[in-house]
Amino acid sequence: MVLCGVKNQNALLNVADLASFNNIQYSLFYEPDSADDETPMGNTALCTQPIYGEQCKIFKKYQIWKP
């Protein structure tokens, strides 16, 4: 598993568009809860199908997440 971070939901949706454009199956995770319990956090993560070889290059501009 490889984790990459993006700055916000718009950037996350751009990754979804990139995956879709390249015929990579993915799932978006929607978080209905938030700290104030009134406004949902929205889309917070994306998981792709396993990718190999040339497909890895599609995501090369994203930095691997570091805690």
PDB file of N, CA and C in Angstrom:
ATOM      1  N   MET A   1       0.843  -1.164   0.000  1.00  0.00           N
ATOM      2  CA  MET A   1       0.000   0.000   0.000  1.00  0.00           C
ATOM      3  C   MET A   1       0.894   1.234   0.000  1.00  0.00           C
ATOM      4  N   VAL A   2       0.492   2.224  -0.780  1.00  0.00           N
ATOM      5  CA  VAL A   2       1.203   3.492  -0.841  1.00  0.00           C
ATOM      6  C   VAL A   2       0.201   4.591  -0.524  1.00  0.00           C
ATOM      7  N   LEU A   3       0.559   5.469   0.382  1.00  0.00           N
ATOM      8  CA  LEU A   3      -0.309   6.584   0.747  1.00  0.00           C
ATOM      9  C   LEU A   3       0.277   7.871   0.216  1.00  0.00           C
ATOM     10  N   CYS A   4      -0.554   8.661  -0.419  1.00  0.00           N
ATOM     11  CA  CYS A   4      -0.152   9.971  -0.906  1.00  0.00           C
ATOM     12  C   CYS A   4      -1.097  10.998  -0.312  1.00  0.00           C
ATOM     13  N   GLY A   5      -0.594  12.179  -0.078  1.00  0.00           N
ATOM     14  CA  GLY A   5      -1.429  13.229   0.475  1.00  0.00           C
ATOM     15  C   GLY A   5      -1.715  14.311  -0.550  1.00  0.00           C
ATOM     16  N   VAL A   6      -2.897  14.884  -0.457  1.00  0.00           N
ATOM     17  CA  VAL A   6      -3.259  16.044  -1.258  1.00  0.00           C
ATOM     18  C   VAL A   6      -3.754  17.130  -0.299  1.00  0.00           C
ATOM     19  N   LYS A   7      -3.803  18.360  -0.780  1.00  0.00           N
ATOM     20  CA  LYS A   7      -4.082  19.494   0.099  1.00  0.00           C
ATOM     21  C   LYS A   7      -5.537  19.658   0.515  1.00  0.00           C
ATOM     22  N   ASN A   8      -6.469  19.263  -0.350  1.00  0.00           N
ATOM     23  CA  ASN A   8      -7.871  19.521  -0.037  1.00  0.00           C
ATOM     24  C   ASN A   8      -8.772  18.619  -0.882  1.00  0.00           C
ATOM     25  N   GLN A   9     -10.081  18.786  -0.703  1.00  0.00           N
ATOM     26  CA  GLN A   9     -11.041  17.944  -1.422  1.00  0.00           C
ATOM     27  C   GLN A   9     -10.977  18.148  -2.926  1.00  0.00           C
ATOM     28  N   ASN A  10     -10.759  19.383  -3.358  1.00  0.00           N
ATOM     29  CA  ASN A  10     -10.653  19.620  -4.803  1.00  0.00           C
ATOM     30  C   ASN A  10      -9.488  18.847  -5.400  1.00  0.00           C
ATOM     31  N   ALA A  11      -8.373  18.828  -4.698  1.00  0.00           N
ATOM     32  CA  ALA A  11      -7.210  18.080  -5.175  1.00  0.00           C
ATOM     33  C   ALA A  11      -7.520  16.583  -5.192  1.00  0.00           C
ATOM     34  N   LEU A  12      -8.269  16.124  -4.207  1.00  0.00           N
ATOM     35  CA  LEU A  12      -8.657  14.714  -4.156  1.00  0.00           C
ATOM     36  C   LEU A  12      -9.549  14.362  -5.346  1.00  0.00           C
ATOM     37  N   LEU A  13     -10.471  15.254  -5.665  1.00  0.00           N
ATOM     38  CA  LEU A  13     -11.345  15.014  -6.814  1.00  0.00           C
ATOM     39  C   LEU A  13     -10.566  15.065  -8.125  1.00  0.00           C
ATOM     40  N   ASN A  14      -9.496  15.848  -8.171  1.00  0.00           N
ATOM     41  CA  ASN A  14      -8.628  15.854  -9.348  1.00  0.00           C
ATOM     42  C   ASN A  14      -7.941  14.502  -9.523  1.00  0.00           C
ATOM     43  N   VAL A  15      -7.560  13.871  -8.416  1.00  0.00           N
ATOM     44  CA  VAL A  15      -6.970  12.532  -8.483  1.00  0.00           C
ATOM     45  C   VAL A  15      -8.007  11.545  -9.007  1.00  0.00           C
ATOM     46  N   ALA A  16      -9.248  11.689  -8.558  1.00  0.00           N
ATOM     47  CA  ALA A  16     -10.319  10.819  -9.047  1.00  0.00           C
ATOM     48  C   ALA A  16     -10.493  10.996 -10.552  1.00  0.00           C
ATOM     49  N   ASP A  17     -10.463  12.237 -11.011  1.00  0.00           N
ATOM     50  CA  ASP A  17     -10.575  12.495 -12.452  1.00  0.00           C
ATOM     51  C   ASP A  17      -9.415  11.866 -13.208  1.00  0.00           C
ATOM     52  N   LEU A  18      -8.214  11.989 -12.657  1.00  0.00           N
ATOM     53  CA  LEU A  18      -7.022  11.414 -13.287  1.00  0.00           C
ATOM     54  C   LEU A  18      -7.149   9.897 -13.392  1.00  0.00           C
ATOM     55  N   ALA A  19      -7.595   9.277 -12.315  1.00  0.00           N
ATOM     56  CA  ALA A  19      -7.781   7.821 -12.329  1.00  0.00           C
ATOM     57  C   ALA A  19      -8.830   7.431 -13.359  1.00  0.00           C
ATOM     58  N   SER A  20      -9.928   8.135 -13.360  1.00  0.00           N
ATOM     59  CA  SER A  20     -11.005   7.835 -14.297  1.00  0.00           C
ATOM     60  C   SER A  20     -10.534   7.989 -15.746  1.00  0.00           C
ATOM     61  N   PHE A  21      -9.836   9.068 -16.037  1.00  0.00           N
ATOM     62  CA  PHE A  21      -9.327   9.327 -17.381  1.00  0.00           C
ATOM     63  C   PHE A  21      -8.409   8.207 -17.858  1.00  0.00           C
ATOM     64  N   ASN A  22      -7.685   7.600 -16.906  1.00  0.00           N
ATOM     65  CA  ASN A  22      -6.730   6.541 -17.234  1.00  0.00           C
ATOM     66  C   ASN A  22      -7.299   5.142 -17.006  1.00  0.00           C
ATOM     67  N   ASN A  23      -8.622   5.045 -16.916  1.00  0.00           N
ATOM     68  CA  ASN A  23      -9.308   3.762 -16.757  1.00  0.00           C
ATOM     69  C   ASN A  23      -8.835   2.974 -15.546  1.00  0.00           C
ATOM     70  N   ILE A  24      -8.572   3.677 -14.463  1.00  0.00           N
ATOM     71  CA  ILE A  24      -8.190   3.042 -13.205  1.00  0.00           C
ATOM     72  C   ILE A  24      -9.402   3.094 -12.290  1.00  0.00           C
ATOM     73  N   GLN A  25      -9.844   1.942 -11.849  1.00  0.00           N
ATOM     74  CA  GLN A  25     -10.993   1.889 -10.952  1.00  0.00           C
ATOM     75  C   GLN A  25     -10.594   2.442  -9.589  1.00  0.00           C
ATOM     76  N   TYR A  26     -11.526   3.160  -8.967  1.00  0.00           N
ATOM     77  CA  TYR A  26     -11.257   3.748  -7.661  1.00  0.00           C
ATOM     78  C   TYR A  26     -12.549   3.850  -6.863  1.00  0.00           C
ATOM     79  N   SER A  27     -12.389   4.068  -5.572  1.00  0.00           N
ATOM     80  CA  SER A  27     -13.516   4.349  -4.679  1.00  0.00           C
ATOM     81  C   SER A  27     -13.180   5.578  -3.870  1.00  0.00           C
ATOM     82  N   LEU A  28     -14.133   6.488  -3.772  1.00  0.00           N
ATOM     83  CA  LEU A  28     -13.994   7.655  -2.906  1.00  0.00           C
ATOM     84  C   LEU A  28     -14.625   7.334  -1.560  1.00  0.00           C
ATOM     85  N   PHE A  29     -14.008   7.791  -0.500  1.00  0.00           N
ATOM     86  CA  PHE A  29     -14.541   7.603   0.839  1.00  0.00           C
ATOM     87  C   PHE A  29     -15.146   8.912   1.312  1.00  0.00           C
ATOM     88  N   TYR A  30     -16.407   8.862   1.689  1.00  0.00           N
ATOM     89  CA  TYR A  30     -17.132  10.031   2.149  1.00  0.00           C
ATOM     90  C   TYR A  30     -17.291   9.963   3.658  1.00  0.00           C
ATOM     91  N   GLU A  31     -16.865  10.996   4.337  1.00  0.00           N
ATOM     92  CA  GLU A  31     -16.946  11.046   5.802  1.00  0.00           C
ATOM     93  C   GLU A  31     -18.124  11.933   6.200  1.00  0.00           C
ATOM     94  N   PRO A  32     -19.206  11.330   6.704  1.00  0.00           N
ATOM     95  CA  PRO A  32     -20.386  12.128   7.043  1.00  0.00           C
ATOM     96  C   PRO A  32     -20.259  12.884   8.367  1.00  0.00           C
ATOM     97  N   ASP A  33     -19.289  12.519   9.198  1.00  0.00           N
ATOM     98  CA  ASP A  33     -19.139  13.154  10.510  1.00  0.00           C
ATOM     99  C   ASP A  33     -18.095  14.258  10.451  1.00  0.00           C
ATOM    100  N   SER A  34     -18.200  15.173  11.383  1.00  0.00           N
ATOM    101  CA  SER A  34     -17.192  16.218  11.522  1.00  0.00           C
ATOM    102  C   SER A  34     -17.078  16.605  12.983  1.00  0.00           C
ATOM    103  N   ALA A  35     -16.155  17.487  13.277  1.00  0.00           N
ATOM    104  CA  ALA A  35     -15.940  17.896  14.665  1.00  0.00           C
ATOM    105  C   ALA A  35     -17.159  18.610  15.239  1.00  0.00           C
ATOM    106  N   ASP A  36     -17.858  19.386  14.397  1.00  0.00           N
ATOM    107  CA  ASP A  36     -19.014  20.124  14.916  1.00  0.00           C
ATOM    108  C   ASP A  36     -20.332  19.379  14.741  1.00  0.00           C
ATOM    109  N   ASP A  37     -20.294  18.180  14.182  1.00  0.00           N
ATOM    110  CA  ASP A  37     -21.462  17.312  13.990  1.00  0.00           C
ATOM    111  C   ASP A  37     -22.567  17.932  13.131  1.00  0.00           C
ATOM    112  N   GLU A  38     -22.286  19.038  12.455  1.00  0.00           N
ATOM    113  CA  GLU A  38     -23.291  19.642  11.591  1.00  0.00           C
ATOM    114  C   GLU A  38     -22.900  19.585  10.122  1.00  0.00           C
ATOM    115  N   THR A  39     -21.649  19.811   9.842  1.00  0.00           N
ATOM    116  CA  THR A  39     -21.186  19.838   8.464  1.00  0.00           C
ATOM    117  C   THR A  39     -20.348  18.592   8.192  1.00  0.00           C
ATOM    118  N   PRO A  40     -20.756  17.770   7.233  1.00  0.00           N
ATOM    119  CA  PRO A  40     -19.950  16.578   6.937  1.00  0.00           C
ATOM    120  C   PRO A  40     -18.573  16.972   6.397  1.00  0.00           C
ATOM    121  N   MET A  41     -17.586  16.143   6.654  1.00  0.00           N
ATOM    122  CA  MET A  41     -16.243  16.401   6.141  1.00  0.00           C
ATOM    123  C   MET A  41     -16.196  16.199   4.631  1.00  0.00           C
ATOM    124  N   GLY A  42     -17.060  15.347   4.121  1.00  0.00           N
ATOM    125  CA  GLY A  42     -17.098  15.101   2.677  1.00  0.00           C
ATOM    126  C   GLY A  42     -16.118  14.019   2.266  1.00  0.00           C
ATOM    127  N   ASN A  43     -15.629  14.100   1.043  1.00  0.00           N
ATOM    128  CA  ASN A  43     -14.673  13.111   0.530  1.00  0.00           C
ATOM    129  C   ASN A  43     -13.329  13.318   1.211  1.00  0.00           C
ATOM    130  N   THR A  44     -12.830  12.247   1.830  1.00  0.00           N
ATOM    131  CA  THR A  44     -11.588  12.364   2.594  1.00  0.00           C
ATOM    132  C   THR A  44     -10.480  11.443   2.108  1.00  0.00           C
ATOM    133  N   ALA A  45     -10.799  10.480   1.259  1.00  0.00           N
ATOM    134  CA  ALA A  45      -9.779   9.536   0.793  1.00  0.00           C
ATOM    135  C   ALA A  45     -10.236   8.886  -0.505  1.00  0.00           C
ATOM    136  N   LEU A  46      -9.259   8.326  -1.193  1.00  0.00           N
ATOM    137  CA  LEU A  46      -9.519   7.629  -2.446  1.00  0.00           C
ATOM    138  C   LEU A  46      -8.620   6.403  -2.487  1.00  0.00           C
ATOM    139  N   CYS A  47      -9.179   5.302  -2.911  1.00  0.00           N
ATOM    140  CA  CYS A  47      -8.430   4.058  -3.023  1.00  0.00           C
ATOM    141  C   CYS A  47      -8.561   3.566  -4.462  1.00  0.00           C
ATOM    142  N   THR A  48      -7.437   3.211  -5.093  1.00  0.00           N
ATOM    143  CA  THR A  48      -7.486   2.691  -6.460  1.00  0.00           C
ATOM    144  C   THR A  48      -7.335   1.180  -6.449  1.00  0.00           C
ATOM    145  N   GLN A  49      -7.650   0.605  -7.584  1.00  0.00           N
ATOM    146  CA  GLN A  49      -7.328  -0.797  -7.790  1.00  0.00           C
ATOM    147  C   GLN A  49      -5.806  -0.919  -7.740  1.00  0.00           C
ATOM    148  N   PRO A  50      -5.261  -2.093  -7.533  1.00  0.00           N
ATOM    149  CA  PRO A  50      -3.803  -2.239  -7.603  1.00  0.00           C
ATOM    150  C   PRO A  50      -3.303  -1.782  -8.969  1.00  0.00           C
ATOM    151  N   ILE A  51      -2.239  -1.010  -8.960  1.00  0.00           N
ATOM    152  CA  ILE A  51      -1.664  -0.544 -10.223  1.00  0.00           C
ATOM    153  C   ILE A  51      -0.216  -1.007 -10.317  1.00  0.00           C
ATOM    154  N   TYR A  52       0.217  -1.221 -11.539  1.00  0.00           N
ATOM    155  CA  TYR A  52       1.550  -1.767 -11.791  1.00  0.00           C
ATOM    156  C   TYR A  52       2.179  -1.076 -12.997  1.00  0.00           C
ATOM    157  N   GLY A  53       3.492  -1.193 -13.084  1.00  0.00           N
ATOM    158  CA  GLY A  53       4.225  -0.778 -14.273  1.00  0.00           C
ATOM    159  C   GLY A  53       3.950   0.646 -14.714  1.00  0.00           C
ATOM    160  N   GLU A  54       3.550   0.792 -15.971  1.00  0.00           N
ATOM    161  CA  GLU A  54       3.337   2.108 -16.568  1.00  0.00           C
ATOM    162  C   GLU A  54       2.265   2.910 -15.838  1.00  0.00           C
ATOM    163  N   GLN A  55       1.276   2.244 -15.265  1.00  0.00           N
ATOM    164  CA  GLN A  55       0.224   2.970 -14.555  1.00  0.00           C
ATOM    165  C   GLN A  55       0.765   3.742 -13.357  1.00  0.00           C
ATOM    166  N   CYS A  56       1.840   3.287 -12.765  1.00  0.00           N
ATOM    167  CA  CYS A  56       2.427   3.981 -11.609  1.00  0.00           C
ATOM    168  C   CYS A  56       2.860   5.387 -11.986  1.00  0.00           C
ATOM    169  N   LYS A  57       3.274   5.578 -13.216  1.00  0.00           N
ATOM    170  CA  LYS A  57       3.744   6.887 -13.662  1.00  0.00           C
ATOM    171  C   LYS A  57       2.641   7.931 -13.643  1.00  0.00           C
ATOM    172  N   ILE A  58       1.411   7.499 -13.723  1.00  0.00           N
ATOM    173  CA  ILE A  58       0.277   8.414 -13.713  1.00  0.00           C
ATOM    174  C   ILE A  58       0.249   9.238 -12.428  1.00  0.00           C
ATOM    175  N   PHE A  59       0.690   8.651 -11.327  1.00  0.00           N
ATOM    176  CA  PHE A  59       0.623   9.308 -10.025  1.00  0.00           C
ATOM    177  C   PHE A  59       1.979   9.827  -9.548  1.00  0.00           C
ATOM    178  N   LYS A  60       2.949   9.924 -10.423  1.00  0.00           N
ATOM    179  CA  LYS A  60       4.311  10.275 -10.001  1.00  0.00           C
ATOM    180  C   LYS A  60       4.434  11.679  -9.425  1.00  0.00           C
ATOM    181  N   LYS A  61       3.519  12.582  -9.760  1.00  0.00           N
ATOM    182  CA  LYS A  61       3.635  13.950  -9.244  1.00  0.00           C
ATOM    183  C   LYS A  61       3.184  14.075  -7.783  1.00  0.00           C
ATOM    184  N   TYR A  62       2.559  13.041  -7.262  1.00  0.00           N
ATOM    185  CA  TYR A  62       2.083  13.082  -5.880  1.00  0.00           C
ATOM    186  C   TYR A  62       3.146  12.560  -4.933  1.00  0.00           C
ATOM    187  N   GLN A  63       3.331  13.268  -3.833  1.00  0.00           N
ATOM    188  CA  GLN A  63       4.335  12.868  -2.853  1.00  0.00           C
ATOM    189  C   GLN A  63       3.779  11.781  -1.927  1.00  0.00           C
ATOM    190  N   ILE A  64       4.638  10.850  -1.591  1.00  0.00           N
ATOM    191  CA  ILE A  64       4.256   9.801  -0.648  1.00  0.00           C
ATOM    192  C   ILE A  64       4.061  10.449   0.721  1.00  0.00           C
ATOM    193  N   TRP A  65       2.974  10.050   1.386  1.00  0.00           N
ATOM    194  CA  TRP A  65       2.623  10.621   2.682  1.00  0.00           C
ATOM    195  C   TRP A  65       3.639  10.226   3.729  1.00  0.00           C
ATOM    196  N   LYS A  66       4.003  11.215   4.566  1.00  0.00           N
ATOM    197  CA  LYS A  66       4.912  10.962   5.688  1.00  0.00           C
ATOM    198  C   LYS A  66       4.263  11.531   6.943  1.00  0.00           C
ATOM    199  N   PRO A  67       4.222  10.744   8.011  1.00  0.00           N
ATOM    200  CA  PRO A  67       3.578  11.234   9.254  1.00  0.00           C
ATOM    201  C   PRO A  67       4.344  12.387   9.882  1.00  0.00           C
TER     202      PRO A  67
END
